[in-house]
Amino acid sequence: MAEPNTAGPAFLLLHGWQHHRPEGHWLRRLADELATLGHDVAFPQLPDPDTPDPGTWLAELDRQLAAGKGRERIVVCHSLGCLLWLHAAARRPGTALADRVLLVAPPASEVALGHPEIAAFAHPPVTADAVAAAAPLGTRLVGSDDDPYCPGGAAAVFGEPLGIDTDTLPGQAHLDLDAGYGPWPDALRWCLDPTVRVGPRPAS
């Protein structure tokens, strides 16, 4: 594995609820792939992932972002990590927190409210302007049209109201290990080139 390039971009990967960074998950693979290419990448285990506290997670996010201060910062979020990012953007409207962000499979607030462990993450009071300011080089949303954690579809629930460029992947559920994600080359491609449209994982 190459030594991290401290002059290049710093990548931060944020996982979701009940996520313990399992082997084989696309986020874990992405962290390894970026590190192998010599990039500086952080994939922290967020505290108490089974019973997460928004304030504690926001504090850890602040700490991670501060570690990359002064460099290009690219953030990749999955599931509850997306709501964490939206809460962070809402908390500091008009502030650039990173350069660009990828939001993958955010859960709808009504689904979060149905699970007491994550209900406090629901309804981040964020605006389209705050989302744009939080990542001046762009935010990309990727979601499926049959995600059980976002029944209305990510584009309708998050993309359109918040003005986020969205890639909709038919029939890919929650884009997690249960859905075969797994190897996902387009996640790495987007990290290296933000103009890449994100498609589904390779067919098995």
N, C-alpha and C. Protein backbone atom coordinates (compact mmCIF):
# COMPACT_ATOMS: atom_id res chain seq x y z
N MET A 1 0.84 -1.20 0.00
CA MET A 1 0.00 0.00 0.00
C MET A 1 0.87 1.24 0.00
N ALA A 2 0.51 2.21 -0.81
CA ALA A 2 1.32 3.41 -0.94
C ALA A 2 1.20 4.28 0.31
N GLU A 3 2.25 5.07 0.57
CA GLU A 3 2.19 6.05 1.64
C GLU A 3 1.16 7.12 1.27
N PRO A 4 0.34 7.60 2.25
CA PRO A 4 -0.65 8.62 1.94
C PRO A 4 -0.02 9.89 1.39
N ASN A 5 -0.63 10.44 0.36
CA ASN A 5 -0.17 11.69 -0.24
C ASN A 5 -0.80 12.85 0.52
N THR A 6 -0.05 13.45 1.45
CA THR A 6 -0.60 14.50 2.29
C THR A 6 -0.76 15.82 1.56
N ALA A 7 -0.30 15.89 0.31
CA ALA A 7 -0.51 17.10 -0.49
C ALA A 7 -1.76 17.00 -1.35
N GLY A 8 -2.29 15.79 -1.49
CA GLY A 8 -3.47 15.58 -2.33
C GLY A 8 -4.76 15.68 -1.53
N PRO A 9 -5.88 15.28 -2.12
CA PRO A 9 -7.16 15.36 -1.42
C PRO A 9 -7.22 14.40 -0.25
N ALA A 10 -8.02 14.76 0.73
CA ALA A 10 -8.27 13.90 1.88
C ALA A 10 -9.70 13.39 1.78
N PHE A 11 -9.86 12.08 1.83
CA PHE A 11 -11.18 11.46 1.72
C PHE A 11 -11.69 11.07 3.10
N LEU A 12 -12.97 11.30 3.31
CA LEU A 12 -13.63 10.90 4.56
C LEU A 12 -14.86 10.09 4.20
N LEU A 13 -14.96 8.87 4.74
CA LEU A 13 -16.08 7.97 4.46
C LEU A 13 -16.91 7.82 5.73
N LEU A 14 -18.22 8.03 5.61
CA LEU A 14 -19.13 8.00 6.75
C LEU A 14 -20.17 6.91 6.57
N HIS A 15 -20.21 5.99 7.51
CA HIS A 15 -21.13 4.86 7.42
C HIS A 15 -22.47 5.18 8.09
N GLY A 16 -23.33 4.17 8.14
CA GLY A 16 -24.67 4.36 8.67
C GLY A 16 -24.95 3.57 9.93
N TRP A 17 -26.23 3.43 10.20
CA TRP A 17 -26.72 2.75 11.39
C TRP A 17 -26.35 1.27 11.36
N GLN A 18 -25.95 0.74 12.52
CA GLN A 18 -25.62 -0.67 12.69
C GLN A 18 -24.48 -1.12 11.79
N HIS A 19 -23.65 -0.18 11.41
CA HIS A 19 -22.55 -0.48 10.50
C HIS A 19 -21.26 -0.59 11.30
N HIS A 20 -20.62 -1.74 11.20
CA HIS A 20 -19.37 -2.00 11.92
C HIS A 20 -18.21 -2.22 10.95
N ARG A 21 -18.25 -1.53 9.84
CA ARG A 21 -17.21 -1.58 8.82
C ARG A 21 -16.88 -3.03 8.41
N PRO A 22 -17.89 -3.80 7.98
CA PRO A 22 -17.64 -5.21 7.67
C PRO A 22 -16.77 -5.38 6.43
N GLU A 23 -16.03 -6.46 6.44
CA GLU A 23 -15.25 -6.83 5.26
C GLU A 23 -16.20 -7.01 4.08
N GLY A 24 -15.78 -6.51 2.93
CA GLY A 24 -16.56 -6.73 1.71
C GLY A 24 -17.52 -5.62 1.39
N HIS A 25 -17.96 -4.84 2.37
CA HIS A 25 -18.88 -3.73 2.09
C HIS A 25 -18.19 -2.72 1.18
N TRP A 26 -18.96 -2.09 0.29
CA TRP A 26 -18.35 -1.19 -0.69
C TRP A 26 -17.60 -0.04 -0.04
N LEU A 27 -18.05 0.43 1.12
CA LEU A 27 -17.30 1.50 1.79
C LEU A 27 -15.93 1.01 2.24
N ARG A 28 -15.88 -0.18 2.79
CA ARG A 28 -14.60 -0.75 3.22
C ARG A 28 -13.69 -0.96 2.02
N ARG A 29 -14.26 -1.48 0.94
CA ARG A 29 -13.47 -1.68 -0.28
C ARG A 29 -12.97 -0.34 -0.82
N LEU A 30 -13.84 0.67 -0.80
CA LEU A 30 -13.45 1.98 -1.31
C LEU A 30 -12.30 2.56 -0.49
N ALA A 31 -12.37 2.43 0.83
CA ALA A 31 -11.28 2.92 1.67
C ALA A 31 -9.96 2.25 1.29
N ASP A 32 -10.01 0.94 1.10
CA ASP A 32 -8.79 0.20 0.75
C ASP A 32 -8.29 0.60 -0.63
N GLU A 33 -9.20 0.77 -1.58
CA GLU A 33 -8.79 1.13 -2.95
C GLU A 33 -8.15 2.51 -2.98
N LEU A 34 -8.74 3.46 -2.28
CA LEU A 34 -8.16 4.81 -2.24
C LEU A 34 -6.79 4.81 -1.58
N ALA A 35 -6.68 4.06 -0.49
CA ALA A 35 -5.39 3.99 0.20
C ALA A 35 -4.33 3.33 -0.68
N THR A 36 -4.72 2.30 -1.42
CA THR A 36 -3.78 1.62 -2.31
C THR A 36 -3.26 2.57 -3.39
N LEU A 37 -4.11 3.50 -3.81
CA LEU A 37 -3.70 4.49 -4.81
C LEU A 37 -2.87 5.63 -4.20
N GLY A 38 -2.68 5.59 -2.90
CA GLY A 38 -1.85 6.60 -2.26
C GLY A 38 -2.61 7.78 -1.70
N HIS A 39 -3.94 7.70 -1.67
CA HIS A 39 -4.72 8.81 -1.14
C HIS A 39 -4.83 8.73 0.38
N ASP A 40 -4.99 9.87 0.98
CA ASP A 40 -5.24 9.97 2.42
C ASP A 40 -6.72 9.72 2.64
N VAL A 41 -7.06 8.67 3.36
CA VAL A 41 -8.46 8.29 3.53
C VAL A 41 -8.74 7.94 4.99
N ALA A 42 -9.84 8.46 5.52
CA ALA A 42 -10.30 8.13 6.86
C ALA A 42 -11.66 7.44 6.75
N PHE A 43 -11.78 6.31 7.41
CA PHE A 43 -13.04 5.57 7.46
C PHE A 43 -13.28 5.22 8.93
N PRO A 44 -13.64 6.21 9.74
CA PRO A 44 -13.74 5.98 11.18
C PRO A 44 -14.96 5.14 11.55
N GLN A 45 -14.80 4.36 12.63
CA GLN A 45 -15.96 3.72 13.24
C GLN A 45 -16.64 4.77 14.10
N LEU A 46 -17.81 5.22 13.67
CA LEU A 46 -18.52 6.23 14.44
C LEU A 46 -19.03 5.61 15.75
N PRO A 47 -19.08 6.40 16.82
CA PRO A 47 -19.41 5.84 18.14
C PRO A 47 -20.80 5.22 18.20
N ASP A 48 -20.88 4.09 18.89
CA ASP A 48 -22.16 3.43 19.17
C ASP A 48 -23.05 3.33 17.93
N PRO A 49 -22.62 2.65 16.89
CA PRO A 49 -23.39 2.63 15.65
C PRO A 49 -24.77 1.98 15.78
N ASP A 50 -24.97 1.15 16.80
CA ASP A 50 -26.28 0.52 16.97
C ASP A 50 -27.28 1.46 17.65
N THR A 51 -26.77 2.37 18.48
CA THR A 51 -27.61 3.36 19.15
C THR A 51 -26.94 4.72 19.04
N PRO A 52 -26.87 5.26 17.84
CA PRO A 52 -26.07 6.48 17.62
C PRO A 52 -26.72 7.73 18.21
N ASP A 53 -25.88 8.64 18.65
CA ASP A 53 -26.33 9.93 19.17
C ASP A 53 -25.91 11.01 18.18
N PRO A 54 -26.84 11.83 17.68
CA PRO A 54 -26.47 12.82 16.67
C PRO A 54 -25.39 13.78 17.13
N GLY A 55 -25.46 14.25 18.38
CA GLY A 55 -24.45 15.18 18.86
C GLY A 55 -23.06 14.56 18.89
N THR A 56 -22.99 13.30 19.30
CA THR A 56 -21.69 12.61 19.35
C THR A 56 -21.16 12.40 17.95
N TRP A 57 -22.03 12.02 17.03
CA TRP A 57 -21.59 11.81 15.64
C TRP A 57 -21.17 13.13 15.00
N LEU A 58 -21.90 14.21 15.29
CA LEU A 58 -21.52 15.51 14.73
C LEU A 58 -20.16 15.95 15.27
N ALA A 59 -19.90 15.69 16.54
CA ALA A 59 -18.60 16.05 17.11
C ALA A 59 -17.48 15.26 16.45
N GLU A 60 -17.72 13.98 16.17
CA GLU A 60 -16.71 13.18 15.48
C GLU A 60 -16.52 13.66 14.05
N LEU A 61 -17.60 14.05 13.39
CA LEU A 61 -17.49 14.60 12.05
C LEU A 61 -16.65 15.88 12.07
N ASP A 62 -16.90 16.75 13.02
CA ASP A 62 -16.10 17.97 13.15
C ASP A 62 -14.62 17.63 13.30
N ARG A 63 -14.34 16.64 14.14
CA ARG A 63 -12.95 16.26 14.38
C ARG A 63 -12.29 15.73 13.10
N GLN A 64 -13.02 14.93 12.37
CA GLN A 64 -12.47 14.37 11.14
C GLN A 64 -12.25 15.46 10.09
N LEU A 65 -13.20 16.39 9.97
CA LEU A 65 -13.05 17.46 8.99
C LEU A 65 -11.88 18.37 9.34
N ALA A 66 -11.69 18.62 10.62
CA ALA A 66 -10.58 19.47 11.06
C ALA A 66 -9.24 18.84 10.71
N ALA A 67 -9.18 17.52 10.70
CA ALA A 67 -7.92 16.83 10.40
C ALA A 67 -7.49 17.07 8.96
N GLY A 68 -8.42 17.38 8.07
CA GLY A 68 -8.07 17.62 6.67
C GLY A 68 -8.11 19.09 6.30
N LYS A 69 -8.11 19.96 7.29
CA LYS A 69 -8.23 21.39 7.03
C LYS A 69 -7.08 21.89 6.16
N GLY A 70 -7.44 22.73 5.18
CA GLY A 70 -6.43 23.29 4.29
C GLY A 70 -6.17 22.47 3.06
N ARG A 71 -6.84 21.30 2.93
CA ARG A 71 -6.68 20.45 1.76
C ARG A 71 -8.03 20.21 1.12
N GLU A 72 -8.00 19.75 -0.13
CA GLU A 72 -9.26 19.36 -0.75
C GLU A 72 -9.86 18.22 0.06
N ARG A 73 -11.13 18.36 0.42
CA ARG A 73 -11.80 17.35 1.24
C ARG A 73 -12.98 16.78 0.46
N ILE A 74 -13.00 15.46 0.32
CA ILE A 74 -14.05 14.74 -0.39
C ILE A 74 -14.70 13.78 0.59
N VAL A 75 -16.01 13.88 0.73
CA VAL A 75 -16.75 13.09 1.71
C VAL A 75 -17.71 12.15 0.99
N VAL A 76 -17.74 10.90 1.44
CA VAL A 76 -18.64 9.89 0.89
C VAL A 76 -19.47 9.35 2.05
N CYS A 77 -20.79 9.43 1.93
CA CYS A 77 -21.70 9.02 3.01
C CYS A 77 -22.63 7.92 2.53
N HIS A 78 -22.92 6.99 3.42
CA HIS A 78 -23.92 5.97 3.12
C HIS A 78 -24.98 5.96 4.21
N SER A 79 -26.24 5.84 3.81
CA SER A 79 -27.36 5.62 4.71
C SER A 79 -27.44 6.71 5.78
N LEU A 80 -27.39 6.36 7.07
CA LEU A 80 -27.53 7.36 8.12
C LEU A 80 -26.40 8.39 8.08
N GLY A 81 -25.25 8.02 7.52
CA GLY A 81 -24.20 9.00 7.33
C GLY A 81 -24.64 10.18 6.49
N CYS A 82 -25.60 9.95 5.57
CA CYS A 82 -26.13 11.05 4.75
C CYS A 82 -26.93 12.02 5.61
N LEU A 83 -27.77 11.50 6.51
CA LEU A 83 -28.52 12.39 7.40
C LEU A 83 -27.58 13.13 8.33
N LEU A 84 -26.52 12.47 8.77
CA LEU A 84 -25.51 13.16 9.57
C LEU A 84 -24.95 14.36 8.81
N TRP A 85 -24.62 14.16 7.54
CA TRP A 85 -24.08 15.25 6.74
C TRP A 85 -25.09 16.38 6.59
N LEU A 86 -26.35 16.05 6.36
CA LEU A 86 -27.37 17.08 6.20
C LEU A 86 -27.59 17.86 7.50
N HIS A 87 -27.50 17.18 8.64
CA HIS A 87 -27.57 17.89 9.92
C HIS A 87 -26.38 18.84 10.07
N ALA A 88 -25.21 18.39 9.65
CA ALA A 88 -24.03 19.25 9.74
C ALA A 88 -24.18 20.48 8.86
N ALA A 89 -24.70 20.29 7.65
CA ALA A 89 -24.91 21.42 6.76
C ALA A 89 -25.95 22.39 7.31
N ALA A 90 -26.99 21.85 7.94
CA ALA A 90 -28.04 22.69 8.52
C ALA A 90 -27.53 23.48 9.72
N ARG A 91 -26.61 22.89 10.46
CA ARG A 91 -26.10 23.53 11.68
C ARG A 91 -25.25 24.75 11.37
N ARG A 92 -24.61 24.74 10.20
CA ARG A 92 -23.72 25.83 9.82
C ARG A 92 -24.05 26.32 8.41
N PRO A 93 -25.23 26.89 8.23
CA PRO A 93 -25.63 27.31 6.87
C PRO A 93 -24.68 28.36 6.32
N GLY A 94 -24.35 28.17 5.05
CA GLY A 94 -23.44 29.11 4.40
C GLY A 94 -21.97 28.78 4.58
N THR A 95 -21.67 27.70 5.32
CA THR A 95 -20.29 27.33 5.60
C THR A 95 -19.86 26.16 4.73
N ALA A 96 -18.69 26.26 4.12
CA ALA A 96 -18.12 25.15 3.36
C ALA A 96 -17.49 24.16 4.33
N LEU A 97 -18.04 22.96 4.37
CA LEU A 97 -17.51 21.91 5.25
C LEU A 97 -16.57 20.98 4.52
N ALA A 98 -16.79 20.81 3.22
CA ALA A 98 -15.95 19.96 2.37
C ALA A 98 -15.99 20.57 0.98
N ASP A 99 -15.24 19.97 0.06
CA ASP A 99 -15.26 20.46 -1.32
C ASP A 99 -16.37 19.79 -2.13
N ARG A 100 -16.46 18.47 -2.04
CA ARG A 100 -17.55 17.77 -2.71
C ARG A 100 -17.97 16.55 -1.91
N VAL A 101 -19.21 16.12 -2.14
CA VAL A 101 -19.82 15.09 -1.30
C VAL A 101 -20.63 14.14 -2.16
N LEU A 102 -20.58 12.86 -1.79
CA LEU A 102 -21.42 11.84 -2.39
C LEU A 102 -22.33 11.29 -1.30
N LEU A 103 -23.65 11.40 -1.52
CA LEU A 103 -24.64 10.88 -0.59
C LEU A 103 -25.28 9.65 -1.20
N VAL A 104 -25.15 8.51 -0.53
CA VAL A 104 -25.64 7.24 -1.07
C VAL A 104 -26.72 6.67 -0.16
N ALA A 105 -27.92 6.49 -0.72
CA ALA A 105 -29.04 5.80 -0.06
C ALA A 105 -29.41 6.40 1.29
N PRO A 106 -29.73 7.70 1.34
CA PRO A 106 -30.18 8.27 2.60
C PRO A 106 -31.55 7.72 3.00
N PRO A 107 -31.76 7.44 4.28
CA PRO A 107 -33.08 6.97 4.71
C PRO A 107 -34.05 8.13 4.87
N ALA A 108 -35.29 7.91 4.52
CA ALA A 108 -36.32 8.93 4.68
C ALA A 108 -36.61 9.17 6.15
N SER A 109 -37.01 10.38 6.48
CA SER A 109 -37.26 10.72 7.88
C SER A 109 -38.35 9.88 8.50
N GLU A 110 -39.40 9.55 7.72
CA GLU A 110 -40.46 8.75 8.31
C GLU A 110 -39.98 7.36 8.69
N VAL A 111 -38.98 6.85 7.95
CA VAL A 111 -38.40 5.56 8.30
C VAL A 111 -37.54 5.70 9.56
N ALA A 112 -36.74 6.76 9.63
CA ALA A 112 -35.93 6.99 10.83
C ALA A 112 -36.82 7.13 12.06
N LEU A 113 -37.94 7.84 11.92
CA LEU A 113 -38.84 8.02 13.06
C LEU A 113 -39.44 6.70 13.53
N GLY A 114 -39.51 5.72 12.65
CA GLY A 114 -40.03 4.42 13.02
C GLY A 114 -39.05 3.55 13.78
N HIS A 115 -37.83 4.02 13.95
CA HIS A 115 -36.80 3.28 14.70
C HIS A 115 -36.28 4.19 15.80
N PRO A 116 -36.63 3.94 17.05
CA PRO A 116 -36.23 4.84 18.14
C PRO A 116 -34.73 5.10 18.22
N GLU A 117 -33.94 4.11 17.78
CA GLU A 117 -32.49 4.28 17.87
C GLU A 117 -31.96 5.40 16.99
N ILE A 118 -32.68 5.72 15.92
CA ILE A 118 -32.18 6.74 14.98
C ILE A 118 -33.19 7.86 14.75
N ALA A 119 -34.25 7.90 15.54
CA ALA A 119 -35.30 8.89 15.31
C ALA A 119 -34.77 10.31 15.42
N ALA A 120 -33.77 10.53 16.24
CA ALA A 120 -33.24 11.88 16.43
C ALA A 120 -32.53 12.42 15.19
N PHE A 121 -32.21 11.54 14.24
CA PHE A 121 -31.57 11.98 13.00
C PHE A 121 -32.58 12.46 11.96
N ALA A 122 -33.86 12.21 12.20
CA ALA A 122 -34.89 12.54 11.21
C ALA A 122 -35.04 14.05 11.04
N HIS A 123 -35.56 14.42 9.90
CA HIS A 123 -35.91 15.81 9.58
C HIS A 123 -34.76 16.79 9.81
N PRO A 124 -33.61 16.57 9.20
CA PRO A 124 -32.57 17.60 9.30
C PRO A 124 -33.09 18.91 8.71
N PRO A 125 -33.02 20.02 9.44
CA PRO A 125 -33.63 21.28 8.99
C PRO A 125 -32.76 22.00 7.97
N VAL A 126 -32.47 21.31 6.88
CA VAL A 126 -31.50 21.82 5.91
C VAL A 126 -32.21 22.39 4.69
N THR A 127 -31.60 23.36 4.05
CA THR A 127 -32.13 23.96 2.83
C THR A 127 -31.22 23.65 1.65
N ALA A 128 -31.72 23.88 0.46
CA ALA A 128 -30.91 23.68 -0.74
C ALA A 128 -29.68 24.58 -0.71
N ASP A 129 -29.85 25.80 -0.23
CA ASP A 129 -28.70 26.73 -0.16
C ASP A 129 -27.64 26.21 0.80
N ALA A 130 -28.06 25.65 1.93
CA ALA A 130 -27.10 25.13 2.90
C ALA A 130 -26.36 23.92 2.34
N VAL A 131 -27.08 23.06 1.61
CA VAL A 131 -26.44 21.89 1.00
C VAL A 131 -25.39 22.35 -0.02
N ALA A 132 -25.74 23.32 -0.85
CA ALA A 132 -24.81 23.81 -1.86
C ALA A 132 -23.59 24.45 -1.21
N ALA A 133 -23.80 25.22 -0.15
CA ALA A 133 -22.68 25.90 0.51
C ALA A 133 -21.76 24.92 1.21
N ALA A 134 -22.32 23.82 1.73
CA ALA A 134 -21.51 22.87 2.49
C ALA A 134 -20.47 22.17 1.63
N ALA A 135 -20.71 22.07 0.33
CA ALA A 135 -19.79 21.41 -0.60
C ALA A 135 -19.75 22.21 -1.89
N PRO A 136 -18.94 23.27 -1.96
CA PRO A 136 -18.99 24.19 -3.11
C PRO A 136 -18.71 23.56 -4.46
N LEU A 137 -17.97 22.44 -4.50
CA LEU A 137 -17.68 21.81 -5.78
C LEU A 137 -18.72 20.77 -6.17
N GLY A 138 -19.75 20.64 -5.35
CA GLY A 138 -20.87 19.80 -5.76
C GLY A 138 -21.21 18.68 -4.81
N THR A 139 -22.50 18.39 -4.74
CA THR A 139 -23.03 17.24 -4.00
C THR A 139 -23.74 16.34 -4.99
N ARG A 140 -23.45 15.06 -4.93
CA ARG A 140 -24.10 14.06 -5.79
C ARG A 140 -24.88 13.11 -4.89
N LEU A 141 -26.11 12.79 -5.29
CA LEU A 141 -26.96 11.85 -4.59
C LEU A 141 -27.13 10.61 -5.44
N VAL A 142 -26.99 9.44 -4.81
CA VAL A 142 -27.21 8.17 -5.50
C VAL A 142 -28.21 7.36 -4.68
N GLY A 143 -29.25 6.89 -5.33
CA GLY A 143 -30.24 6.09 -4.63
C GLY A 143 -30.95 5.15 -5.58
N SER A 144 -31.64 4.19 -5.00
CA SER A 144 -32.39 3.22 -5.78
C SER A 144 -33.86 3.63 -5.84
N ASP A 145 -34.57 3.05 -6.78
CA ASP A 145 -36.00 3.31 -6.87
C ASP A 145 -36.82 2.33 -6.04
N ASP A 146 -36.15 1.40 -5.33
CA ASP A 146 -36.87 0.46 -4.49
C ASP A 146 -36.20 0.27 -3.13
N ASP A 147 -35.62 1.36 -2.62
CA ASP A 147 -34.94 1.32 -1.33
C ASP A 147 -35.99 1.23 -0.22
N PRO A 148 -36.00 0.16 0.58
CA PRO A 148 -37.01 0.06 1.64
C PRO A 148 -36.86 1.13 2.71
N TYR A 149 -35.68 1.74 2.79
CA TYR A 149 -35.46 2.80 3.78
C TYR A 149 -35.80 4.18 3.24
N CYS A 150 -36.17 4.25 1.98
CA CYS A 150 -36.60 5.52 1.37
C CYS A 150 -37.67 5.22 0.32
N PRO A 151 -38.87 4.85 0.78
CA PRO A 151 -39.89 4.36 -0.14
C PRO A 151 -40.28 5.34 -1.24
N GLY A 152 -40.16 6.63 -0.99
CA GLY A 152 -40.52 7.60 -2.01
C GLY A 152 -39.46 7.81 -3.07
N GLY A 153 -38.29 7.23 -2.86
CA GLY A 153 -37.19 7.39 -3.80
C GLY A 153 -36.32 8.58 -3.42
N ALA A 154 -35.01 8.39 -3.48
CA ALA A 154 -34.08 9.43 -3.05
C ALA A 154 -34.23 10.71 -3.86
N ALA A 155 -34.50 10.58 -5.14
CA ALA A 155 -34.61 11.77 -5.99
C ALA A 155 -35.77 12.66 -5.53
N ALA A 156 -36.93 12.05 -5.25
CA ALA A 156 -38.10 12.83 -4.84
C ALA A 156 -37.98 13.33 -3.42
N VAL A 157 -37.43 12.52 -2.53
CA VAL A 157 -37.39 12.87 -1.11
C VAL A 157 -36.27 13.85 -0.80
N PHE A 158 -35.12 13.68 -1.46
CA PHE A 158 -33.96 14.52 -1.15
C PHE A 158 -33.48 15.34 -2.36
N GLY A 159 -33.36 14.69 -3.51
CA GLY A 159 -32.74 15.35 -4.65
C GLY A 159 -33.48 16.59 -5.11
N GLU A 160 -34.76 16.44 -5.40
CA GLU A 160 -35.53 17.58 -5.92
C GLU A 160 -35.70 18.69 -4.89
N PRO A 161 -36.11 18.40 -3.63
CA PRO A 161 -36.29 19.49 -2.67
C PRO A 161 -34.99 20.22 -2.33
N LEU A 162 -33.86 19.52 -2.38
CA LEU A 162 -32.60 20.12 -1.96
C LEU A 162 -31.71 20.49 -3.14
N GLY A 163 -32.22 20.33 -4.36
CA GLY A 163 -31.44 20.73 -5.53
C GLY A 163 -30.17 19.93 -5.73
N ILE A 164 -30.21 18.63 -5.42
CA ILE A 164 -29.02 17.80 -5.51
C ILE A 164 -29.06 16.97 -6.79
N ASP A 165 -27.99 17.01 -7.55
CA ASP A 165 -27.84 16.18 -8.74
C ASP A 165 -27.93 14.72 -8.33
N THR A 166 -28.81 13.96 -9.00
CA THR A 166 -29.13 12.61 -8.53
C THR A 166 -28.95 11.57 -9.62
N ASP A 167 -28.35 10.44 -9.23
CA ASP A 167 -28.30 9.25 -10.08
C ASP A 167 -29.23 8.21 -9.46
N THR A 168 -30.29 7.81 -10.17
CA THR A 168 -31.22 6.81 -9.68
C THR A 168 -30.89 5.46 -10.30
N LEU A 169 -30.69 4.45 -9.46
CA LEU A 169 -30.30 3.12 -9.91
C LEU A 169 -31.48 2.18 -9.72
N PRO A 170 -32.09 1.69 -10.78
CA PRO A 170 -33.27 0.84 -10.65
C PRO A 170 -32.95 -0.48 -9.96
N GLY A 171 -33.83 -0.84 -9.02
CA GLY A 171 -33.78 -2.17 -8.42
C GLY A 171 -32.56 -2.50 -7.61
N GLN A 172 -31.96 -1.52 -6.95
CA GLN A 172 -30.72 -1.76 -6.20
C GLN A 172 -30.90 -1.66 -4.68
N ALA A 173 -32.15 -1.59 -4.24
CA ALA A 173 -32.47 -1.60 -2.80
C ALA A 173 -31.65 -0.55 -2.04
N HIS A 174 -31.02 -0.94 -0.93
CA HIS A 174 -30.35 0.04 -0.06
C HIS A 174 -28.86 0.20 -0.38
N LEU A 175 -28.43 -0.36 -1.49
CA LEU A 175 -27.03 -0.25 -1.90
C LEU A 175 -26.09 -0.64 -0.76
N ASP A 176 -26.37 -1.79 -0.18
CA ASP A 176 -25.58 -2.31 0.93
C ASP A 176 -25.16 -3.73 0.61
N LEU A 177 -24.58 -4.40 1.59
CA LEU A 177 -24.11 -5.77 1.34
C LEU A 177 -25.27 -6.70 0.95
N ASP A 178 -26.42 -6.52 1.58
CA ASP A 178 -27.57 -7.38 1.24
C ASP A 178 -27.98 -7.22 -0.22
N ALA A 179 -27.68 -6.05 -0.80
CA ALA A 179 -27.99 -5.80 -2.21
C ALA A 179 -26.82 -6.10 -3.13
N GLY A 180 -25.73 -6.66 -2.56
CA GLY A 180 -24.58 -7.05 -3.38
C GLY A 180 -23.49 -6.00 -3.49
N TYR A 181 -23.53 -4.96 -2.67
CA TYR A 181 -22.52 -3.88 -2.71
C TYR A 181 -21.57 -4.01 -1.52
N GLY A 182 -20.53 -4.86 -1.58
CA GLY A 182 -19.77 -5.46 -2.60
C GLY A 182 -18.99 -4.52 -3.50
N PRO A 183 -18.36 -5.16 -4.43
CA PRO A 183 -17.60 -4.39 -5.42
C PRO A 183 -18.49 -3.34 -6.10
N TRP A 184 -17.98 -2.11 -6.16
CA TRP A 184 -18.74 -1.03 -6.79
C TRP A 184 -17.75 -0.05 -7.42
N PRO A 185 -17.26 -0.36 -8.61
CA PRO A 185 -16.22 0.47 -9.23
C PRO A 185 -16.61 1.92 -9.43
N ASP A 186 -17.90 2.20 -9.66
CA ASP A 186 -18.29 3.59 -9.92
C ASP A 186 -18.12 4.49 -8.71
N ALA A 187 -18.14 3.92 -7.51
CA ALA A 187 -17.90 4.74 -6.33
C ALA A 187 -16.47 5.28 -6.36
N LEU A 188 -15.52 4.42 -6.71
CA LEU A 188 -14.14 4.86 -6.83
C LEU A 188 -13.98 5.83 -7.99
N ARG A 189 -14.64 5.56 -9.10
CA ARG A 189 -14.53 6.46 -10.26
C ARG A 189 -15.01 7.86 -9.90
N TRP A 190 -16.10 7.96 -9.16
CA TRP A 190 -16.58 9.29 -8.77
C TRP A 190 -15.59 9.99 -7.85
N CYS A 191 -14.99 9.24 -6.95
CA CYS A 191 -14.00 9.85 -6.05
C CYS A 191 -12.86 10.48 -6.83
N LEU A 192 -12.47 9.85 -7.91
CA LEU A 192 -11.35 10.34 -8.71
C LEU A 192 -11.78 11.35 -9.76
N ASP A 193 -13.07 11.34 -10.14
CA ASP A 193 -13.55 12.23 -11.20
C ASP A 193 -15.02 12.57 -10.92
N PRO A 194 -15.33 13.78 -10.43
CA PRO A 194 -16.70 14.10 -10.06
C PRO A 194 -17.66 14.20 -11.23
N THR A 195 -17.16 14.18 -12.47
CA THR A 195 -18.06 14.23 -13.62
C THR A 195 -18.65 12.87 -13.95
N VAL A 196 -18.12 11.80 -13.35
CA VAL A 196 -18.61 10.45 -13.60
C VAL A 196 -20.04 10.29 -13.09
N ARG A 197 -20.92 9.78 -13.92
CA ARG A 197 -22.26 9.40 -13.46
C ARG A 197 -22.17 8.04 -12.79
N VAL A 198 -22.75 7.91 -11.63
CA VAL A 198 -22.62 6.70 -10.83
C VAL A 198 -23.70 5.71 -11.24
N GLY A 199 -23.26 4.55 -11.67
CA GLY A 199 -24.16 3.48 -12.05
C GLY A 199 -24.14 2.36 -11.04
N PRO A 200 -24.89 1.30 -11.29
CA PRO A 200 -24.97 0.18 -10.33
C PRO A 200 -23.70 -0.66 -10.32
N ARG A 201 -23.62 -1.52 -9.33
CA ARG A 201 -22.50 -2.46 -9.23
C ARG A 201 -22.51 -3.37 -10.46
N PRO A 202 -21.37 -4.00 -10.75
CA PRO A 202 -21.35 -4.95 -11.87
C PRO A 202 -22.29 -6.13 -11.61
N ALA A 203 -22.91 -6.63 -12.65
CA ALA A 203 -23.78 -7.79 -12.52
C ALA A 203 -22.96 -8.99 -12.10
N SER A 204 -23.49 -9.77 -11.18
CA SER A 204 -22.75 -10.95 -10.70
C SER A 204 -22.93 -12.11 -11.65
